[in-house]
Amino acid sequence: MAEQKAANQKAAAERKAAADKKAAAEQKAALEKKAAADKKAAAEQKAALEKKATAGKKADADKKTETVQKGQELMSISVHLNTGIVAGIFAVGFIVSAVLFAAITLITKAVA
């Protein structure tokens, strides 16, 4: 009976040791899984930051290119000229100046 009791205790100790070993292995696996997840998250975060930095650099480069293309231009104005109106104004001005010149010439000759 003492031998059987000792065998039962030994078997119980072996089961407990196996359970402890299994728990330790599970805990180690969980820690490794968590470490892998943290590493993956850090890599994704780093990639996102690099992508954002690259986008910022690209935007800065685009702004720089745009500035270089504009040069020192502060403002641009588009003017459309209606040549018919301009020709009409010049014609009226020419006729008025000819009439005034003739009138002044006649007045000065009449007075002199």
N, C-alpha and C. Protein backbone atom coordinates (compact mmCIF):
# COMPACT_ATOMS: atom_id res chain seq x y z
N MET A 1 0.80 -1.17 0.00
CA MET A 1 0.00 0.00 0.00
C MET A 1 0.86 1.27 0.00
N ALA A 2 1.94 1.23 0.71
CA ALA A 2 2.84 2.37 0.76
C ALA A 2 3.47 2.59 -0.60
N GLU A 3 3.73 1.45 -1.29
CA GLU A 3 4.31 1.58 -2.62
C GLU A 3 3.31 2.20 -3.59
N GLN A 4 2.05 1.80 -3.44
CA GLN A 4 1.01 2.34 -4.32
C GLN A 4 0.81 3.82 -4.03
N LYS A 5 0.85 4.22 -2.78
CA LYS A 5 0.68 5.61 -2.40
C LYS A 5 1.86 6.43 -2.95
N ALA A 6 3.05 5.87 -2.86
CA ALA A 6 4.24 6.56 -3.38
C ALA A 6 4.14 6.68 -4.90
N ALA A 7 3.64 5.64 -5.57
CA ALA A 7 3.48 5.68 -7.03
C ALA A 7 2.45 6.73 -7.42
N ASN A 8 1.35 6.81 -6.66
CA ASN A 8 0.31 7.82 -6.94
C ASN A 8 0.88 9.23 -6.76
N GLN A 9 1.66 9.41 -5.69
CA GLN A 9 2.26 10.73 -5.45
C GLN A 9 3.24 11.08 -6.57
N LYS A 10 4.01 10.10 -7.00
CA LYS A 10 4.97 10.33 -8.08
C LYS A 10 4.24 10.68 -9.37
N ALA A 11 3.14 9.94 -9.66
CA ALA A 11 2.34 10.22 -10.86
C ALA A 11 1.72 11.61 -10.77
N ALA A 12 1.23 11.98 -9.59
CA ALA A 12 0.64 13.31 -9.40
C ALA A 12 1.70 14.38 -9.60
N ALA A 13 2.90 14.14 -9.08
CA ALA A 13 3.99 15.10 -9.23
C ALA A 13 4.36 15.23 -10.70
N GLU A 14 4.38 14.12 -11.43
CA GLU A 14 4.69 14.15 -12.86
C GLU A 14 3.62 14.90 -13.65
N ARG A 15 2.34 14.66 -13.28
CA ARG A 15 1.23 15.38 -13.96
C ARG A 15 1.32 16.87 -13.69
N LYS A 16 1.65 17.21 -12.43
CA LYS A 16 1.77 18.62 -12.06
C LYS A 16 2.94 19.25 -12.82
N ALA A 17 4.06 18.53 -12.91
CA ALA A 17 5.23 19.04 -13.63
C ALA A 17 4.89 19.22 -15.11
N ALA A 18 4.15 18.24 -15.68
CA ALA A 18 3.77 18.34 -17.09
C ALA A 18 2.82 19.52 -17.30
N ALA A 19 1.88 19.72 -16.36
CA ALA A 19 0.94 20.84 -16.47
C ALA A 19 1.68 22.16 -16.35
N ASP A 20 2.65 22.24 -15.42
CA ASP A 20 3.43 23.46 -15.26
C ASP A 20 4.24 23.75 -16.53
N LYS A 21 4.82 22.66 -17.08
CA LYS A 21 5.62 22.80 -18.29
C LYS A 21 4.74 23.28 -19.45
N LYS A 22 3.51 22.71 -19.53
CA LYS A 22 2.57 23.10 -20.60
C LYS A 22 2.16 24.56 -20.42
N ALA A 23 1.88 24.97 -19.17
CA ALA A 23 1.49 26.35 -18.90
C ALA A 23 2.63 27.31 -19.25
N ALA A 24 3.85 26.93 -18.92
CA ALA A 24 5.00 27.77 -19.24
C ALA A 24 5.16 27.89 -20.76
N ALA A 25 4.96 26.78 -21.48
CA ALA A 25 5.06 26.81 -22.93
C ALA A 25 3.98 27.70 -23.53
N GLU A 26 2.76 27.60 -23.00
CA GLU A 26 1.66 28.45 -23.49
C GLU A 26 1.93 29.92 -23.21
N GLN A 27 2.48 30.18 -22.00
CA GLN A 27 2.79 31.57 -21.65
C GLN A 27 3.89 32.11 -22.57
N LYS A 28 4.89 31.29 -22.85
CA LYS A 28 5.97 31.70 -23.75
C LYS A 28 5.43 31.95 -25.16
N ALA A 29 4.54 31.08 -25.62
CA ALA A 29 3.94 31.25 -26.95
C ALA A 29 3.12 32.54 -27.01
N ALA A 30 2.38 32.82 -25.91
CA ALA A 30 1.58 34.04 -25.88
C ALA A 30 2.48 35.28 -25.92
N LEU A 31 3.59 35.23 -25.16
CA LEU A 31 4.53 36.35 -25.17
C LEU A 31 5.15 36.55 -26.54
N GLU A 32 5.52 35.44 -27.20
CA GLU A 32 6.09 35.53 -28.55
C GLU A 32 5.07 36.09 -29.54
N LYS A 33 3.82 35.66 -29.38
CA LYS A 33 2.75 36.15 -30.26
C LYS A 33 2.55 37.66 -30.05
N LYS A 34 2.56 38.09 -28.77
CA LYS A 34 2.39 39.50 -28.47
C LYS A 34 3.57 40.31 -29.01
N ALA A 35 4.79 39.77 -28.86
CA ALA A 35 5.97 40.45 -29.37
C ALA A 35 5.90 40.59 -30.89
N ALA A 36 5.45 39.52 -31.56
CA ALA A 36 5.32 39.58 -33.01
C ALA A 36 4.28 40.61 -33.42
N ALA A 37 3.16 40.68 -32.69
CA ALA A 37 2.11 41.65 -33.00
C ALA A 37 2.62 43.07 -32.77
N ASP A 38 3.37 43.28 -31.67
CA ASP A 38 3.93 44.60 -31.39
C ASP A 38 4.93 45.01 -32.47
N LYS A 39 5.74 44.04 -32.89
CA LYS A 39 6.72 44.32 -33.95
C LYS A 39 6.02 44.68 -35.25
N LYS A 40 4.95 43.96 -35.56
CA LYS A 40 4.19 44.23 -36.78
C LYS A 40 3.54 45.62 -36.71
N ALA A 41 2.97 45.95 -35.54
CA ALA A 41 2.34 47.25 -35.37
C ALA A 41 3.38 48.37 -35.50
N ALA A 42 4.56 48.16 -34.91
CA ALA A 42 5.62 49.16 -35.01
C ALA A 42 6.06 49.34 -36.46
N ALA A 43 6.16 48.23 -37.20
CA ALA A 43 6.55 48.31 -38.60
C ALA A 43 5.49 49.06 -39.41
N GLU A 44 4.22 48.78 -39.13
CA GLU A 44 3.14 49.47 -39.85
C GLU A 44 3.14 50.96 -39.52
N GLN A 45 3.38 51.28 -38.24
CA GLN A 45 3.42 52.68 -37.85
C GLN A 45 4.60 53.39 -38.52
N LYS A 46 5.74 52.72 -38.57
CA LYS A 46 6.91 53.30 -39.22
C LYS A 46 6.64 53.52 -40.71
N ALA A 47 6.00 52.53 -41.35
CA ALA A 47 5.67 52.66 -42.77
C ALA A 47 4.71 53.82 -43.00
N ALA A 48 3.73 53.97 -42.09
CA ALA A 48 2.78 55.07 -42.22
C ALA A 48 3.49 56.42 -42.07
N LEU A 49 4.42 56.50 -41.11
CA LEU A 49 5.16 57.75 -40.92
C LEU A 49 6.03 58.06 -42.14
N GLU A 50 6.68 57.03 -42.68
CA GLU A 50 7.50 57.23 -43.88
C GLU A 50 6.64 57.67 -45.06
N LYS A 51 5.47 57.07 -45.17
CA LYS A 51 4.57 57.43 -46.26
C LYS A 51 4.13 58.89 -46.11
N LYS A 52 3.82 59.28 -44.87
CA LYS A 52 3.40 60.65 -44.61
C LYS A 52 4.54 61.62 -44.90
N ALA A 53 5.76 61.24 -44.48
CA ALA A 53 6.92 62.10 -44.73
C ALA A 53 7.18 62.22 -46.22
N THR A 54 7.05 61.11 -46.94
CA THR A 54 7.24 61.13 -48.39
C THR A 54 6.20 62.02 -49.06
N ALA A 55 4.95 61.92 -48.59
CA ALA A 55 3.88 62.75 -49.15
C ALA A 55 4.17 64.22 -48.87
N GLY A 56 4.65 64.53 -47.65
CA GLY A 56 4.99 65.91 -47.31
C GLY A 56 6.12 66.43 -48.17
N LYS A 57 7.15 65.60 -48.40
CA LYS A 57 8.26 66.01 -49.24
C LYS A 57 7.78 66.24 -50.67
N LYS A 58 6.88 65.37 -51.13
CA LYS A 58 6.36 65.52 -52.50
C LYS A 58 5.57 66.82 -52.62
N ALA A 59 4.76 67.13 -51.59
CA ALA A 59 3.99 68.37 -51.62
C ALA A 59 4.93 69.58 -51.61
N ASP A 60 6.00 69.51 -50.80
CA ASP A 60 6.97 70.59 -50.78
C ASP A 60 7.65 70.74 -52.14
N ALA A 61 7.98 69.61 -52.75
CA ALA A 61 8.61 69.65 -54.07
C ALA A 61 7.66 70.26 -55.10
N ASP A 62 6.37 69.90 -55.02
CA ASP A 62 5.39 70.46 -55.94
C ASP A 62 5.28 71.97 -55.75
N LYS A 63 5.26 72.42 -54.49
CA LYS A 63 5.19 73.85 -54.22
C LYS A 63 6.42 74.55 -54.77
N LYS A 64 7.58 73.94 -54.56
CA LYS A 64 8.83 74.53 -55.04
C LYS A 64 8.82 74.63 -56.56
N THR A 65 8.37 73.58 -57.22
CA THR A 65 8.30 73.58 -58.68
C THR A 65 7.34 74.67 -59.15
N GLU A 66 6.20 74.79 -58.47
CA GLU A 66 5.22 75.80 -58.84
C GLU A 66 5.81 77.20 -58.66
N THR A 67 6.56 77.40 -57.57
CA THR A 67 7.18 78.70 -57.32
C THR A 67 8.21 79.01 -58.39
N VAL A 68 8.99 78.01 -58.76
CA VAL A 68 10.01 78.21 -59.79
C VAL A 68 9.35 78.54 -61.12
N GLN A 69 8.24 77.87 -61.41
CA GLN A 69 7.55 78.13 -62.67
C GLN A 69 6.98 79.54 -62.69
N LYS A 70 6.46 80.01 -61.57
CA LYS A 70 5.92 81.35 -61.52
C LYS A 70 7.01 82.41 -61.52
N GLY A 71 8.18 82.05 -61.03
CA GLY A 71 9.27 83.01 -60.94
C GLY A 71 8.95 84.06 -59.90
N GLN A 72 9.17 85.31 -60.23
CA GLN A 72 8.91 86.40 -59.30
C GLN A 72 7.54 87.05 -59.56
N GLU A 73 6.69 86.34 -60.23
CA GLU A 73 5.38 86.87 -60.60
C GLU A 73 4.49 87.00 -59.37
N LEU A 74 4.00 88.22 -59.12
CA LEU A 74 3.12 88.44 -57.98
C LEU A 74 1.66 88.31 -58.37
N MET A 75 1.35 88.75 -59.59
CA MET A 75 -0.04 88.71 -60.03
C MET A 75 -0.05 88.62 -61.55
N SER A 76 -1.04 87.96 -62.09
CA SER A 76 -1.17 87.94 -63.54
C SER A 76 -2.55 88.48 -63.90
N ILE A 77 -2.57 89.31 -64.92
CA ILE A 77 -3.81 89.93 -65.36
C ILE A 77 -4.00 89.61 -66.82
N SER A 78 -5.21 89.22 -67.17
CA SER A 78 -5.52 88.91 -68.56
C SER A 78 -6.35 90.06 -69.13
N VAL A 79 -5.89 90.63 -70.24
CA VAL A 79 -6.57 91.77 -70.84
C VAL A 79 -7.02 91.38 -72.25
N HIS A 80 -8.29 91.61 -72.53
CA HIS A 80 -8.84 91.37 -73.87
C HIS A 80 -9.16 92.73 -74.48
N LEU A 81 -8.59 93.01 -75.65
CA LEU A 81 -8.73 94.32 -76.28
C LEU A 81 -9.69 94.22 -77.46
N ASN A 82 -10.73 95.04 -77.43
CA ASN A 82 -11.68 95.09 -78.53
C ASN A 82 -11.17 96.15 -79.51
N THR A 83 -10.60 95.69 -80.61
CA THR A 83 -9.96 96.61 -81.55
C THR A 83 -10.97 97.54 -82.24
N GLY A 84 -12.19 97.11 -82.40
CA GLY A 84 -13.21 97.98 -83.03
C GLY A 84 -13.46 99.22 -82.20
N ILE A 85 -13.58 99.06 -80.91
CA ILE A 85 -13.82 100.22 -80.03
C ILE A 85 -12.60 101.14 -80.03
N VAL A 86 -11.42 100.56 -79.98
CA VAL A 86 -10.20 101.38 -79.98
C VAL A 86 -10.09 102.16 -81.28
N ALA A 87 -10.36 101.53 -82.40
CA ALA A 87 -10.30 102.22 -83.70
C ALA A 87 -11.33 103.35 -83.75
N GLY A 88 -12.52 103.12 -83.20
CA GLY A 88 -13.56 104.16 -83.17
C GLY A 88 -13.13 105.35 -82.33
N ILE A 89 -12.53 105.10 -81.17
CA ILE A 89 -12.07 106.20 -80.30
C ILE A 89 -10.98 107.01 -81.00
N PHE A 90 -10.03 106.32 -81.65
CA PHE A 90 -8.99 107.06 -82.38
C PHE A 90 -9.58 107.89 -83.52
N ALA A 91 -10.58 107.34 -84.22
CA ALA A 91 -11.19 108.08 -85.32
C ALA A 91 -11.89 109.33 -84.81
N VAL A 92 -12.65 109.19 -83.74
CA VAL A 92 -13.34 110.36 -83.16
C VAL A 92 -12.32 111.38 -82.69
N GLY A 93 -11.24 110.92 -82.05
CA GLY A 93 -10.19 111.83 -81.57
C GLY A 93 -9.52 112.55 -82.71
N PHE A 94 -9.28 111.86 -83.81
CA PHE A 94 -8.66 112.49 -84.99
C PHE A 94 -9.56 113.56 -85.58
N ILE A 95 -10.84 113.25 -85.71
CA ILE A 95 -11.79 114.22 -86.29
C ILE A 95 -11.92 115.44 -85.40
N VAL A 96 -12.04 115.21 -84.08
CA VAL A 96 -12.18 116.35 -83.15
C VAL A 96 -10.93 117.22 -83.19
N SER A 97 -9.76 116.58 -83.20
CA SER A 97 -8.52 117.38 -83.23
C SER A 97 -8.40 118.15 -84.55
N ALA A 98 -8.83 117.56 -85.66
CA ALA A 98 -8.78 118.27 -86.96
C ALA A 98 -9.73 119.46 -86.94
N VAL A 99 -10.93 119.27 -86.39
CA VAL A 99 -11.90 120.38 -86.32
C VAL A 99 -11.36 121.49 -85.42
N LEU A 100 -10.80 121.15 -84.26
CA LEU A 100 -10.25 122.17 -83.35
C LEU A 100 -9.07 122.91 -84.00
N PHE A 101 -8.20 122.16 -84.69
CA PHE A 101 -7.07 122.79 -85.36
C PHE A 101 -7.56 123.77 -86.43
N ALA A 102 -8.57 123.36 -87.19
CA ALA A 102 -9.11 124.25 -88.23
C ALA A 102 -9.75 125.48 -87.60
N ALA A 103 -10.49 125.27 -86.51
CA ALA A 103 -11.16 126.42 -85.87
C ALA A 103 -10.14 127.39 -85.32
N ILE A 104 -9.10 126.88 -84.64
CA ILE A 104 -8.07 127.77 -84.07
C ILE A 104 -7.32 128.50 -85.18
N THR A 105 -7.06 127.79 -86.29
CA THR A 105 -6.36 128.43 -87.40
C THR A 105 -7.21 129.55 -87.99
N LEU A 106 -8.51 129.33 -88.17
CA LEU A 106 -9.38 130.36 -88.74
C LEU A 106 -9.50 131.54 -87.79
N ILE A 107 -9.60 131.24 -86.49
CA ILE A 107 -9.73 132.34 -85.51
C ILE A 107 -8.47 133.19 -85.50
N THR A 108 -7.31 132.56 -85.51
CA THR A 108 -6.08 133.35 -85.48
C THR A 108 -5.87 134.16 -86.75
N LYS A 109 -6.27 133.66 -87.94
CA LYS A 109 -6.16 134.41 -89.18
C LYS A 109 -7.15 135.57 -89.21
N ALA A 110 -8.33 135.33 -88.64
CA ALA A 110 -9.35 136.39 -88.66
C ALA A 110 -8.94 137.53 -87.73
N VAL A 111 -8.29 137.24 -86.65
CA VAL A 111 -7.90 138.25 -85.69
C VAL A 111 -6.66 138.99 -86.22
N ALA A 112 -5.80 138.32 -86.90
CA ALA A 112 -4.57 138.95 -87.34
C ALA A 112 -4.71 139.77 -88.57
